[in-house]
N, C-alpha and C. Protein backbone atom coordinates (compact mmCIF):
# COMPACT_ATOMS: atom_id res chain seq x y z
N MET A 1 1.90 4.20 17.23
CA MET A 1 1.02 3.26 16.54
C MET A 1 1.11 1.89 17.19
N ARG A 2 0.01 1.15 17.13
CA ARG A 2 -0.04 -0.24 17.57
C ARG A 2 0.12 -1.10 16.33
N VAL A 3 1.12 -2.00 16.36
CA VAL A 3 1.54 -2.71 15.14
C VAL A 3 1.50 -4.22 15.37
N VAL A 4 1.00 -4.93 14.35
CA VAL A 4 1.12 -6.39 14.30
C VAL A 4 2.16 -6.73 13.23
N ILE A 5 3.05 -7.67 13.54
CA ILE A 5 4.09 -8.10 12.59
C ILE A 5 3.89 -9.57 12.31
N ALA A 6 3.87 -9.94 11.03
CA ALA A 6 3.71 -11.34 10.62
C ALA A 6 4.84 -11.73 9.69
N ASP A 7 5.75 -12.57 10.18
CA ASP A 7 6.87 -13.05 9.37
C ASP A 7 7.39 -14.31 10.04
N ASP A 8 7.55 -15.39 9.25
CA ASP A 8 7.98 -16.65 9.85
C ASP A 8 9.49 -16.71 10.07
N ALA A 9 10.25 -15.78 9.47
CA ALA A 9 11.70 -15.74 9.68
C ALA A 9 11.98 -15.02 11.00
N VAL A 10 12.45 -15.78 11.99
CA VAL A 10 12.59 -15.24 13.35
C VAL A 10 13.51 -14.02 13.39
N LEU A 11 14.63 -14.08 12.69
CA LEU A 11 15.58 -12.97 12.74
C LEU A 11 14.99 -11.70 12.14
N LEU A 12 14.30 -11.86 11.01
CA LEU A 12 13.68 -10.69 10.38
C LEU A 12 12.55 -10.16 11.26
N ARG A 13 11.76 -11.07 11.83
CA ARG A 13 10.66 -10.64 12.69
C ARG A 13 11.17 -9.86 13.90
N GLU A 14 12.22 -10.39 14.52
CA GLU A 14 12.79 -9.70 15.68
C GLU A 14 13.40 -8.35 15.27
N GLY A 15 13.99 -8.30 14.08
CA GLY A 15 14.55 -7.04 13.60
C GLY A 15 13.47 -6.00 13.37
N LEU A 16 12.33 -6.43 12.82
CA LEU A 16 11.21 -5.51 12.61
C LEU A 16 10.64 -5.03 13.94
N ILE A 17 10.55 -5.95 14.90
CA ILE A 17 10.04 -5.55 16.22
C ILE A 17 10.94 -4.46 16.81
N ARG A 18 12.23 -4.68 16.76
CA ARG A 18 13.16 -3.70 17.32
C ARG A 18 13.07 -2.37 16.58
N LEU A 19 13.01 -2.42 15.26
CA LEU A 19 12.94 -1.20 14.46
C LEU A 19 11.68 -0.41 14.79
N VAL A 20 10.55 -1.10 14.85
CA VAL A 20 9.28 -0.43 15.13
C VAL A 20 9.28 0.17 16.53
N GLU A 21 9.73 -0.60 17.52
CA GLU A 21 9.66 -0.12 18.90
C GLU A 21 10.68 0.97 19.18
N GLU A 22 11.84 0.91 18.52
CA GLU A 22 12.84 1.96 18.71
C GLU A 22 12.38 3.30 18.13
N ASN A 23 11.36 3.25 17.27
CA ASN A 23 10.85 4.48 16.69
C ASN A 23 9.51 4.90 17.32
N GLY A 24 9.29 4.43 18.54
CA GLY A 24 8.19 4.95 19.33
C GLY A 24 6.86 4.26 19.19
N HIS A 25 6.82 3.14 18.47
CA HIS A 25 5.56 2.42 18.29
C HIS A 25 5.51 1.18 19.18
N THR A 26 4.35 0.54 19.25
CA THR A 26 4.17 -0.63 20.10
C THR A 26 3.78 -1.83 19.25
N VAL A 27 4.52 -2.92 19.38
CA VAL A 27 4.18 -4.17 18.70
C VAL A 27 3.23 -4.95 19.61
N VAL A 28 1.98 -5.06 19.21
CA VAL A 28 0.98 -5.73 20.05
C VAL A 28 0.95 -7.24 19.80
N ALA A 29 1.50 -7.68 18.66
CA ALA A 29 1.58 -9.11 18.37
C ALA A 29 2.62 -9.33 17.28
N ALA A 30 3.37 -10.44 17.40
CA ALA A 30 4.34 -10.84 16.38
C ALA A 30 4.12 -12.32 16.13
N VAL A 31 3.73 -12.66 14.90
CA VAL A 31 3.31 -14.03 14.59
C VAL A 31 4.08 -14.57 13.39
N GLY A 32 3.94 -15.89 13.17
CA GLY A 32 4.72 -16.52 12.12
C GLY A 32 3.94 -17.27 11.07
N ASP A 33 2.60 -17.14 11.05
CA ASP A 33 1.83 -17.80 10.01
C ASP A 33 0.53 -17.03 9.75
N GLY A 34 -0.15 -17.40 8.67
CA GLY A 34 -1.34 -16.68 8.24
C GLY A 34 -2.49 -16.69 9.22
N PRO A 35 -2.92 -17.86 9.71
CA PRO A 35 -4.02 -17.88 10.67
C PRO A 35 -3.74 -17.04 11.92
N ALA A 36 -2.50 -17.05 12.37
CA ALA A 36 -2.15 -16.25 13.55
C ALA A 36 -2.26 -14.76 13.24
N LEU A 37 -1.92 -14.38 11.99
CA LEU A 37 -2.08 -12.97 11.59
C LEU A 37 -3.54 -12.58 11.64
N VAL A 38 -4.41 -13.40 11.06
CA VAL A 38 -5.84 -13.09 11.07
C VAL A 38 -6.35 -12.96 12.50
N GLY A 39 -5.92 -13.88 13.36
CA GLY A 39 -6.34 -13.82 14.75
C GLY A 39 -5.85 -12.58 15.46
N ALA A 40 -4.59 -12.20 15.19
CA ALA A 40 -4.02 -11.02 15.85
C ALA A 40 -4.73 -9.74 15.41
N VAL A 41 -5.06 -9.65 14.12
CA VAL A 41 -5.74 -8.45 13.61
C VAL A 41 -7.14 -8.34 14.19
N THR A 42 -7.87 -9.45 14.23
CA THR A 42 -9.24 -9.40 14.75
C THR A 42 -9.25 -9.14 16.25
N GLU A 43 -8.22 -9.62 16.96
CA GLU A 43 -8.17 -9.42 18.42
C GLU A 43 -7.71 -8.02 18.79
N HIS A 44 -6.63 -7.56 18.14
CA HIS A 44 -5.99 -6.31 18.57
C HIS A 44 -6.44 -5.07 17.79
N ARG A 45 -6.99 -5.26 16.60
CA ARG A 45 -7.37 -4.12 15.75
C ARG A 45 -6.22 -3.10 15.68
N PRO A 46 -5.07 -3.51 15.15
CA PRO A 46 -3.89 -2.64 15.16
C PRO A 46 -4.05 -1.45 14.22
N ASP A 47 -3.19 -0.45 14.42
CA ASP A 47 -3.17 0.70 13.53
C ASP A 47 -2.59 0.33 12.17
N VAL A 48 -1.73 -0.69 12.16
CA VAL A 48 -1.16 -1.17 10.90
C VAL A 48 -0.51 -2.53 11.15
N SER A 49 -0.53 -3.38 10.11
CA SER A 49 0.14 -4.68 10.18
C SER A 49 1.23 -4.75 9.12
N ILE A 50 2.37 -5.32 9.48
CA ILE A 50 3.46 -5.56 8.53
C ILE A 50 3.45 -7.05 8.22
N VAL A 51 3.30 -7.41 6.96
CA VAL A 51 3.05 -8.80 6.60
C VAL A 51 4.01 -9.27 5.53
N ASP A 52 4.68 -10.40 5.79
CA ASP A 52 5.50 -11.04 4.77
C ASP A 52 4.60 -11.93 3.92
N VAL A 53 4.83 -11.96 2.61
CA VAL A 53 3.99 -12.75 1.72
C VAL A 53 4.17 -14.25 1.95
N ARG A 54 5.41 -14.71 2.08
CA ARG A 54 5.68 -16.14 2.16
C ARG A 54 5.73 -16.61 3.60
N MET A 55 4.76 -17.45 3.98
CA MET A 55 4.72 -18.01 5.32
C MET A 55 4.28 -19.47 5.24
N PRO A 56 4.43 -20.22 6.33
CA PRO A 56 4.04 -21.64 6.32
C PRO A 56 2.55 -21.81 6.03
N PRO A 57 2.14 -22.99 5.48
CA PRO A 57 3.00 -24.17 5.31
C PRO A 57 3.72 -24.25 3.96
N SER A 58 3.21 -23.61 2.93
CA SER A 58 3.80 -23.80 1.59
C SER A 58 4.84 -22.74 1.24
N HIS A 59 4.90 -21.68 2.03
CA HIS A 59 5.86 -20.59 1.79
C HIS A 59 5.69 -20.00 0.39
N THR A 60 4.43 -19.82 -0.02
CA THR A 60 4.17 -19.17 -1.31
C THR A 60 3.47 -17.83 -1.07
N ASP A 61 2.16 -17.86 -0.86
CA ASP A 61 1.44 -16.58 -0.73
C ASP A 61 0.50 -16.55 0.48
N GLU A 62 0.79 -17.39 1.49
CA GLU A 62 -0.10 -17.47 2.65
C GLU A 62 -0.28 -16.12 3.36
N GLY A 63 0.81 -15.37 3.48
CA GLY A 63 0.74 -14.09 4.16
C GLY A 63 -0.19 -13.11 3.47
N LEU A 64 -0.10 -13.09 2.14
CA LEU A 64 -0.93 -12.17 1.37
C LEU A 64 -2.39 -12.59 1.42
N ARG A 65 -2.64 -13.89 1.35
CA ARG A 65 -4.02 -14.37 1.45
C ARG A 65 -4.60 -14.08 2.84
N ALA A 66 -3.76 -14.22 3.86
CA ALA A 66 -4.21 -13.92 5.22
C ALA A 66 -4.51 -12.43 5.38
N ALA A 67 -3.71 -11.60 4.73
CA ALA A 67 -3.96 -10.15 4.80
C ALA A 67 -5.30 -9.81 4.16
N VAL A 68 -5.60 -10.44 3.02
CA VAL A 68 -6.90 -10.22 2.36
C VAL A 68 -8.03 -10.67 3.27
N GLU A 69 -7.86 -11.83 3.92
CA GLU A 69 -8.89 -12.33 4.83
C GLU A 69 -9.07 -11.40 6.03
N ALA A 70 -7.94 -10.90 6.56
CA ALA A 70 -8.02 -9.99 7.71
C ALA A 70 -8.78 -8.73 7.36
N ARG A 71 -8.56 -8.21 6.15
CA ARG A 71 -9.27 -7.00 5.73
C ARG A 71 -10.75 -7.28 5.46
N SER A 72 -11.09 -8.51 5.13
CA SER A 72 -12.51 -8.83 4.96
C SER A 72 -13.21 -8.91 6.31
N LEU A 73 -12.48 -9.32 7.35
CA LEU A 73 -13.05 -9.43 8.69
C LEU A 73 -13.02 -8.10 9.43
N VAL A 74 -11.96 -7.33 9.19
CA VAL A 74 -11.83 -6.00 9.80
C VAL A 74 -11.65 -5.01 8.65
N PRO A 75 -12.74 -4.58 8.03
CA PRO A 75 -12.66 -3.76 6.81
C PRO A 75 -11.78 -2.53 7.00
N GLY A 76 -10.89 -2.34 6.02
CA GLY A 76 -10.04 -1.16 6.03
C GLY A 76 -8.84 -1.24 6.94
N THR A 77 -8.64 -2.39 7.61
CA THR A 77 -7.48 -2.48 8.49
C THR A 77 -6.19 -2.28 7.69
N PRO A 78 -5.32 -1.35 8.09
CA PRO A 78 -4.14 -1.03 7.30
C PRO A 78 -3.14 -2.19 7.25
N VAL A 79 -2.62 -2.46 6.06
CA VAL A 79 -1.67 -3.56 5.86
C VAL A 79 -0.52 -3.10 4.97
N LEU A 80 0.70 -3.31 5.44
CA LEU A 80 1.89 -3.07 4.63
C LEU A 80 2.54 -4.41 4.34
N VAL A 81 2.52 -4.83 3.07
CA VAL A 81 3.06 -6.12 2.65
C VAL A 81 4.52 -5.96 2.22
N LEU A 82 5.36 -6.86 2.70
CA LEU A 82 6.75 -6.92 2.27
C LEU A 82 6.95 -8.24 1.53
N SER A 83 7.57 -8.18 0.36
CA SER A 83 7.70 -9.39 -0.45
C SER A 83 8.97 -9.37 -1.28
N GLN A 84 9.38 -10.56 -1.67
CA GLN A 84 10.51 -10.67 -2.59
C GLN A 84 10.04 -10.72 -4.05
N TYR A 85 8.72 -10.78 -4.24
CA TYR A 85 8.17 -10.85 -5.59
C TYR A 85 6.77 -10.25 -5.59
N VAL A 86 6.20 -10.07 -6.76
CA VAL A 86 4.86 -9.50 -6.89
C VAL A 86 3.87 -10.61 -7.17
N GLU A 87 2.89 -10.77 -6.31
CA GLU A 87 1.78 -11.70 -6.53
C GLU A 87 0.59 -10.85 -6.96
N VAL A 88 0.37 -10.77 -8.27
CA VAL A 88 -0.56 -9.78 -8.81
C VAL A 88 -1.99 -10.02 -8.39
N SER A 89 -2.46 -11.26 -8.43
CA SER A 89 -3.88 -11.50 -8.18
C SER A 89 -4.27 -11.09 -6.76
N TYR A 90 -3.44 -11.42 -5.79
CA TYR A 90 -3.78 -11.05 -4.41
C TYR A 90 -3.51 -9.59 -4.14
N ALA A 91 -2.57 -9.00 -4.85
CA ALA A 91 -2.38 -7.55 -4.73
C ALA A 91 -3.64 -6.84 -5.19
N GLU A 92 -4.26 -7.32 -6.26
CA GLU A 92 -5.52 -6.74 -6.73
C GLU A 92 -6.63 -6.94 -5.71
N ASP A 93 -6.63 -8.10 -5.04
CA ASP A 93 -7.65 -8.34 -4.02
C ASP A 93 -7.49 -7.37 -2.86
N LEU A 94 -6.25 -7.06 -2.49
CA LEU A 94 -6.01 -6.10 -1.41
C LEU A 94 -6.57 -4.73 -1.77
N LEU A 95 -6.50 -4.38 -3.04
CA LEU A 95 -6.94 -3.07 -3.49
C LEU A 95 -8.43 -3.03 -3.83
N ALA A 96 -9.06 -4.19 -3.92
CA ALA A 96 -10.40 -4.27 -4.49
C ALA A 96 -11.46 -3.54 -3.69
N ASP A 97 -11.29 -3.44 -2.37
CA ASP A 97 -12.34 -2.80 -1.58
C ASP A 97 -12.27 -1.28 -1.65
N ARG A 98 -11.23 -0.76 -2.32
CA ARG A 98 -11.08 0.68 -2.54
C ARG A 98 -11.03 1.48 -1.24
N ALA A 99 -10.61 0.82 -0.16
CA ALA A 99 -10.56 1.50 1.14
C ALA A 99 -9.22 2.16 1.41
N GLY A 100 -8.22 1.89 0.56
CA GLY A 100 -6.90 2.45 0.81
C GLY A 100 -6.23 1.74 1.97
N ALA A 101 -5.29 2.41 2.63
CA ALA A 101 -4.57 1.84 3.78
C ALA A 101 -3.86 0.54 3.40
N VAL A 102 -3.23 0.54 2.21
CA VAL A 102 -2.52 -0.64 1.72
C VAL A 102 -1.14 -0.24 1.21
N GLY A 103 -0.15 -1.05 1.55
CA GLY A 103 1.18 -0.87 0.99
C GLY A 103 1.71 -2.20 0.50
N TYR A 104 2.49 -2.17 -0.57
CA TYR A 104 3.09 -3.40 -1.10
C TYR A 104 4.49 -3.02 -1.59
N LEU A 105 5.49 -3.41 -0.82
CA LEU A 105 6.87 -3.06 -1.13
C LEU A 105 7.71 -4.31 -1.35
N LEU A 106 8.59 -4.26 -2.33
CA LEU A 106 9.54 -5.35 -2.54
C LEU A 106 10.72 -5.16 -1.60
N LYS A 107 11.10 -6.25 -0.91
CA LYS A 107 12.14 -6.16 0.11
C LYS A 107 13.45 -5.60 -0.43
N ASP A 108 13.81 -5.99 -1.65
CA ASP A 108 15.08 -5.55 -2.21
C ASP A 108 15.14 -4.04 -2.39
N ARG A 109 13.97 -3.40 -2.48
CA ARG A 109 13.94 -1.96 -2.72
C ARG A 109 13.85 -1.14 -1.42
N VAL A 110 13.61 -1.83 -0.31
CA VAL A 110 13.52 -1.13 0.97
C VAL A 110 14.93 -0.99 1.53
N SER A 111 15.63 0.02 1.06
CA SER A 111 17.04 0.19 1.42
C SER A 111 17.25 1.24 2.51
N GLU A 112 16.27 2.10 2.73
CA GLU A 112 16.40 3.16 3.71
C GLU A 112 15.35 2.99 4.80
N VAL A 113 15.81 2.96 6.05
CA VAL A 113 14.89 2.80 7.18
C VAL A 113 13.87 3.93 7.20
N ALA A 114 14.32 5.15 6.94
CA ALA A 114 13.42 6.30 6.97
C ALA A 114 12.30 6.14 5.95
N ASP A 115 12.62 5.62 4.74
CA ASP A 115 11.60 5.42 3.71
C ASP A 115 10.59 4.36 4.15
N PHE A 116 11.09 3.30 4.78
CA PHE A 116 10.19 2.25 5.26
C PHE A 116 9.25 2.78 6.33
N LEU A 117 9.78 3.53 7.29
CA LEU A 117 8.96 4.08 8.36
C LEU A 117 7.95 5.09 7.81
N ASP A 118 8.37 5.84 6.79
CA ASP A 118 7.44 6.79 6.17
C ASP A 118 6.30 6.04 5.48
N ALA A 119 6.63 4.95 4.78
CA ALA A 119 5.59 4.14 4.13
C ALA A 119 4.64 3.56 5.17
N LEU A 120 5.18 3.09 6.28
CA LEU A 120 4.36 2.52 7.35
C LEU A 120 3.39 3.56 7.89
N ASP A 121 3.89 4.76 8.09
CA ASP A 121 3.06 5.85 8.62
C ASP A 121 1.96 6.23 7.63
N ARG A 122 2.29 6.27 6.34
CA ARG A 122 1.30 6.66 5.34
C ARG A 122 0.20 5.62 5.20
N VAL A 123 0.58 4.33 5.26
CA VAL A 123 -0.42 3.27 5.18
C VAL A 123 -1.33 3.32 6.40
N ALA A 124 -0.75 3.51 7.58
CA ALA A 124 -1.55 3.60 8.80
C ALA A 124 -2.52 4.78 8.73
N GLY A 125 -2.12 5.83 8.01
CA GLY A 125 -2.97 7.00 7.86
C GLY A 125 -4.01 6.89 6.75
N GLY A 126 -4.08 5.72 6.11
CA GLY A 126 -5.09 5.50 5.07
C GLY A 126 -4.59 5.64 3.65
N GLY A 127 -3.29 5.87 3.48
CA GLY A 127 -2.73 6.04 2.15
C GLY A 127 -2.42 4.72 1.46
N THR A 128 -2.04 4.82 0.19
CA THR A 128 -1.65 3.66 -0.60
C THR A 128 -0.22 3.85 -1.06
N VAL A 129 0.65 2.90 -0.73
CA VAL A 129 2.07 2.99 -1.07
C VAL A 129 2.46 1.71 -1.80
N LEU A 130 2.82 1.85 -3.08
CA LEU A 130 3.13 0.68 -3.89
C LEU A 130 4.49 0.80 -4.55
N ASP A 131 5.22 -0.29 -4.55
CA ASP A 131 6.49 -0.35 -5.25
C ASP A 131 6.24 -0.15 -6.75
N PRO A 132 7.14 0.58 -7.45
CA PRO A 132 6.94 0.79 -8.89
C PRO A 132 6.77 -0.51 -9.68
N GLU A 133 7.43 -1.58 -9.26
CA GLU A 133 7.28 -2.86 -9.97
C GLU A 133 5.89 -3.43 -9.78
N VAL A 134 5.31 -3.23 -8.60
CA VAL A 134 3.93 -3.66 -8.37
C VAL A 134 2.99 -2.89 -9.28
N VAL A 135 3.20 -1.58 -9.36
CA VAL A 135 2.38 -0.74 -10.23
C VAL A 135 2.48 -1.24 -11.67
N SER A 136 3.70 -1.51 -12.12
CA SER A 136 3.92 -1.94 -13.51
C SER A 136 3.18 -3.23 -13.82
N GLN A 137 3.29 -4.23 -12.93
CA GLN A 137 2.66 -5.52 -13.20
C GLN A 137 1.14 -5.45 -13.11
N LEU A 138 0.63 -4.60 -12.22
CA LEU A 138 -0.82 -4.45 -12.14
C LEU A 138 -1.38 -3.82 -13.41
N LEU A 139 -0.61 -2.88 -13.97
CA LEU A 139 -1.10 -2.19 -15.16
C LEU A 139 -1.18 -3.12 -16.36
N VAL A 140 -0.34 -4.15 -16.39
CA VAL A 140 -0.38 -5.11 -17.49
C VAL A 140 -1.74 -5.78 -17.56
N ARG A 141 -2.39 -5.91 -16.40
CA ARG A 141 -3.67 -6.60 -16.33
C ARG A 141 -4.87 -5.67 -16.44
N ARG A 142 -4.61 -4.41 -16.75
CA ARG A 142 -5.72 -3.45 -16.79
C ARG A 142 -6.77 -3.87 -17.83
N ARG A 143 -8.00 -3.65 -17.50
CA ARG A 143 -9.09 -4.02 -18.41
C ARG A 143 -9.11 -3.13 -19.65
N ARG A 144 -9.79 -3.63 -20.68
CA ARG A 144 -9.88 -2.85 -21.92
C ARG A 144 -10.70 -1.58 -21.73
N ASP A 145 -11.70 -1.65 -20.86
CA ASP A 145 -12.52 -0.46 -20.63
C ASP A 145 -11.77 0.48 -19.68
N ASP A 146 -10.70 1.04 -20.20
CA ASP A 146 -9.76 1.84 -19.41
C ASP A 146 -10.41 3.15 -18.97
N PRO A 147 -10.61 3.34 -17.65
CA PRO A 147 -11.22 4.59 -17.20
C PRO A 147 -10.28 5.79 -17.32
N LEU A 148 -9.03 5.51 -17.69
CA LEU A 148 -8.02 6.58 -17.75
C LEU A 148 -7.81 7.11 -19.16
N ARG A 149 -8.63 6.67 -20.10
CA ARG A 149 -8.38 7.02 -21.49
C ARG A 149 -8.46 8.52 -21.75
N SER A 150 -9.15 9.26 -20.88
CA SER A 150 -9.28 10.71 -21.09
C SER A 150 -8.09 11.49 -20.54
N LEU A 151 -7.21 10.83 -19.81
CA LEU A 151 -6.07 11.54 -19.22
C LEU A 151 -4.98 11.79 -20.27
N THR A 152 -4.31 12.92 -20.14
CA THR A 152 -3.17 13.21 -21.00
C THR A 152 -1.97 12.38 -20.54
N PRO A 153 -0.95 12.23 -21.40
CA PRO A 153 0.25 11.50 -20.97
C PRO A 153 0.86 12.07 -19.69
N ARG A 154 0.89 13.40 -19.57
CA ARG A 154 1.46 14.01 -18.36
C ARG A 154 0.60 13.69 -17.13
N GLU A 155 -0.73 13.70 -17.29
CA GLU A 155 -1.60 13.38 -16.16
C GLU A 155 -1.43 11.92 -15.75
N ARG A 156 -1.24 11.05 -16.72
CA ARG A 156 -0.98 9.65 -16.39
C ARG A 156 0.34 9.51 -15.62
N GLU A 157 1.33 10.29 -16.04
CA GLU A 157 2.62 10.24 -15.38
C GLU A 157 2.49 10.71 -13.93
N VAL A 158 1.74 11.79 -13.73
CA VAL A 158 1.51 12.30 -12.38
C VAL A 158 0.78 11.25 -11.54
N LEU A 159 -0.25 10.61 -12.12
CA LEU A 159 -1.02 9.61 -11.39
C LEU A 159 -0.17 8.39 -11.07
N SER A 160 0.74 8.03 -11.97
CA SER A 160 1.65 6.92 -11.71
C SER A 160 2.53 7.21 -10.50
N LEU A 161 3.03 8.43 -10.40
CA LEU A 161 3.86 8.82 -9.25
C LEU A 161 3.02 8.92 -7.98
N MET A 162 1.77 9.32 -8.11
CA MET A 162 0.87 9.30 -6.95
C MET A 162 0.70 7.87 -6.45
N ALA A 163 0.63 6.91 -7.38
CA ALA A 163 0.47 5.51 -7.00
C ALA A 163 1.67 4.97 -6.24
N GLU A 164 2.83 5.58 -6.45
CA GLU A 164 4.03 5.20 -5.71
C GLU A 164 4.07 5.85 -4.33
N GLY A 165 3.04 6.65 -4.02
CA GLY A 165 2.96 7.27 -2.72
C GLY A 165 3.66 8.59 -2.60
N ARG A 166 4.01 9.21 -3.74
CA ARG A 166 4.75 10.47 -3.70
C ARG A 166 3.82 11.66 -3.47
N SER A 167 4.29 12.63 -2.72
CA SER A 167 3.54 13.86 -2.48
C SER A 167 3.62 14.75 -3.72
N ASN A 168 2.78 15.79 -3.76
CA ASN A 168 2.83 16.73 -4.89
C ASN A 168 4.21 17.36 -5.02
N THR A 169 4.82 17.71 -3.89
CA THR A 169 6.14 18.32 -3.93
C THR A 169 7.18 17.36 -4.51
N ALA A 170 7.10 16.10 -4.10
CA ALA A 170 8.04 15.09 -4.61
C ALA A 170 7.82 14.86 -6.11
N ILE A 171 6.57 14.87 -6.54
CA ILE A 171 6.26 14.71 -7.96
C ILE A 171 6.82 15.88 -8.75
N ALA A 172 6.67 17.09 -8.21
CA ALA A 172 7.18 18.28 -8.89
C ALA A 172 8.69 18.19 -9.07
N ARG A 173 9.39 17.74 -8.04
CA ARG A 173 10.85 17.57 -8.15
C ARG A 173 11.20 16.54 -9.20
N ARG A 174 10.45 15.43 -9.21
CA ARG A 174 10.73 14.35 -10.16
C ARG A 174 10.52 14.79 -11.60
N LEU A 175 9.47 15.58 -11.84
CA LEU A 175 9.13 16.00 -13.20
C LEU A 175 9.76 17.35 -13.57
N VAL A 176 10.44 17.94 -12.60
CA VAL A 176 11.08 19.25 -12.80
C VAL A 176 10.04 20.29 -13.25
N VAL A 177 8.98 20.39 -12.46
CA VAL A 177 7.94 21.39 -12.69
C VAL A 177 7.61 22.03 -11.35
N THR A 178 6.74 23.03 -11.35
CA THR A 178 6.38 23.69 -10.11
C THR A 178 5.31 22.89 -9.36
N ASP A 179 5.20 23.16 -8.06
CA ASP A 179 4.15 22.54 -7.27
C ASP A 179 2.77 22.90 -7.82
N GLY A 180 2.64 24.15 -8.27
CA GLY A 180 1.38 24.60 -8.83
C GLY A 180 0.97 23.81 -10.06
N ALA A 181 1.96 23.47 -10.90
CA ALA A 181 1.66 22.69 -12.10
C ALA A 181 1.14 21.30 -11.72
N VAL A 182 1.77 20.70 -10.71
CA VAL A 182 1.33 19.38 -10.26
C VAL A 182 -0.07 19.46 -9.68
N GLU A 183 -0.34 20.48 -8.88
CA GLU A 183 -1.68 20.65 -8.30
C GLU A 183 -2.74 20.77 -9.39
N LYS A 184 -2.40 21.47 -10.48
CA LYS A 184 -3.34 21.60 -11.59
C LYS A 184 -3.61 20.25 -12.24
N HIS A 185 -2.53 19.47 -12.45
CA HIS A 185 -2.69 18.13 -13.03
C HIS A 185 -3.56 17.26 -12.13
N VAL A 186 -3.33 17.33 -10.81
CA VAL A 186 -4.10 16.51 -9.88
C VAL A 186 -5.58 16.89 -9.92
N ARG A 187 -5.87 18.19 -9.97
CA ARG A 187 -7.27 18.63 -10.07
C ARG A 187 -7.92 18.11 -11.35
N ASN A 188 -7.16 18.16 -12.47
CA ASN A 188 -7.68 17.65 -13.73
C ASN A 188 -7.96 16.15 -13.65
N ILE A 189 -7.07 15.43 -12.97
CA ILE A 189 -7.25 13.99 -12.81
C ILE A 189 -8.54 13.70 -12.05
N PHE A 190 -8.74 14.42 -10.94
CA PHE A 190 -9.96 14.22 -10.15
C PHE A 190 -11.21 14.49 -10.99
N THR A 191 -11.14 15.56 -11.78
CA THR A 191 -12.30 15.93 -12.60
C THR A 191 -12.58 14.86 -13.65
N LYS A 192 -11.54 14.41 -14.36
CA LYS A 192 -11.72 13.43 -15.44
C LYS A 192 -12.13 12.05 -14.92
N LEU A 193 -11.74 11.73 -13.70
CA LEU A 193 -12.11 10.44 -13.12
C LEU A 193 -13.42 10.54 -12.33
N ASP A 194 -14.06 11.70 -12.42
CA ASP A 194 -15.36 11.91 -11.77
C ASP A 194 -15.24 11.68 -10.26
N LEU A 195 -14.29 12.37 -9.65
CA LEU A 195 -14.08 12.28 -8.20
C LEU A 195 -14.27 13.67 -7.59
N PRO A 196 -15.52 14.09 -7.39
CA PRO A 196 -15.77 15.40 -6.79
C PRO A 196 -15.36 15.41 -5.32
N PRO A 197 -15.21 16.59 -4.74
CA PRO A 197 -14.86 16.67 -3.31
C PRO A 197 -15.87 15.90 -2.48
N ASP A 198 -15.36 15.12 -1.52
CA ASP A 198 -16.23 14.29 -0.68
C ASP A 198 -15.56 14.14 0.67
N ASP A 199 -16.20 14.61 1.72
CA ASP A 199 -15.61 14.55 3.06
C ASP A 199 -15.43 13.13 3.56
N GLU A 200 -16.18 12.18 2.99
CA GLU A 200 -16.15 10.82 3.51
C GLU A 200 -15.19 9.92 2.73
N GLN A 201 -14.59 10.41 1.64
CA GLN A 201 -13.68 9.59 0.87
C GLN A 201 -12.43 10.39 0.51
N HIS A 202 -11.32 9.70 0.41
CA HIS A 202 -10.04 10.32 0.10
C HIS A 202 -9.85 10.25 -1.42
N ARG A 203 -9.99 11.39 -2.10
CA ARG A 203 -9.95 11.38 -3.57
C ARG A 203 -8.61 10.90 -4.10
N ARG A 204 -7.53 11.20 -3.41
CA ARG A 204 -6.22 10.78 -3.90
C ARG A 204 -6.12 9.25 -3.89
N VAL A 205 -6.61 8.63 -2.83
CA VAL A 205 -6.61 7.17 -2.76
C VAL A 205 -7.49 6.57 -3.84
N LEU A 206 -8.69 7.15 -4.04
CA LEU A 206 -9.61 6.63 -5.05
C LEU A 206 -9.04 6.76 -6.45
N ALA A 207 -8.33 7.86 -6.71
CA ALA A 207 -7.72 8.04 -8.03
C ALA A 207 -6.64 6.99 -8.27
N VAL A 208 -5.83 6.72 -7.26
CA VAL A 208 -4.78 5.72 -7.39
C VAL A 208 -5.38 4.34 -7.60
N LEU A 209 -6.44 4.01 -6.85
CA LEU A 209 -7.06 2.70 -7.00
C LEU A 209 -7.70 2.54 -8.38
N THR A 210 -8.28 3.60 -8.90
CA THR A 210 -8.82 3.56 -10.26
C THR A 210 -7.70 3.29 -11.27
N TYR A 211 -6.58 3.93 -11.06
CA TYR A 211 -5.41 3.76 -11.95
C TYR A 211 -4.93 2.32 -11.93
N LEU A 212 -4.91 1.70 -10.75
CA LEU A 212 -4.36 0.35 -10.64
C LEU A 212 -5.35 -0.73 -11.07
N GLN A 213 -6.63 -0.43 -10.93
CA GLN A 213 -7.63 -1.45 -11.22
C GLN A 213 -8.17 -1.34 -12.65
């Protein structure tokens, strides 16, 4: 994969570069502020960008705002956000285009290199990978016209785990049920959310985005 890294902390940025390149990928740009991220994405069209939320000048949410801008200029460009906190409004903006290819992980929870690399790969492949705390805070803001009202509690639970980026097999292990049972729940979710088979759209991503929005 061709990767752009945006983080103003030099040590962390260099560590990410080394981690990415040691696992067979190429870092095409490494930058330290929001405008540079936007420029790097528009110039290089990377397979995925790793973006820290807090960057100069205010060290609040410049990275996340730059990621939203980059996706508006290069629609669907994959972005994996790393943060020490959840910025709900911009997280919603990242998800608003319903294109998928978005990840939002809290740094404190990224404890395993293999899990991080797996999340990076899934986002680059068009998937959505969200930290459970991000999912929780986004759900607090859900509108009253809840499109999920027809789902059973178990189907909601399955969809919640899908939003965390878990596969059907992983969900089955978590819920202590068979893979077949999970597949049935997923089919029911697609049906109730009016997501028929479509070669041009990823139903799993659309179901997760519906859940979060």
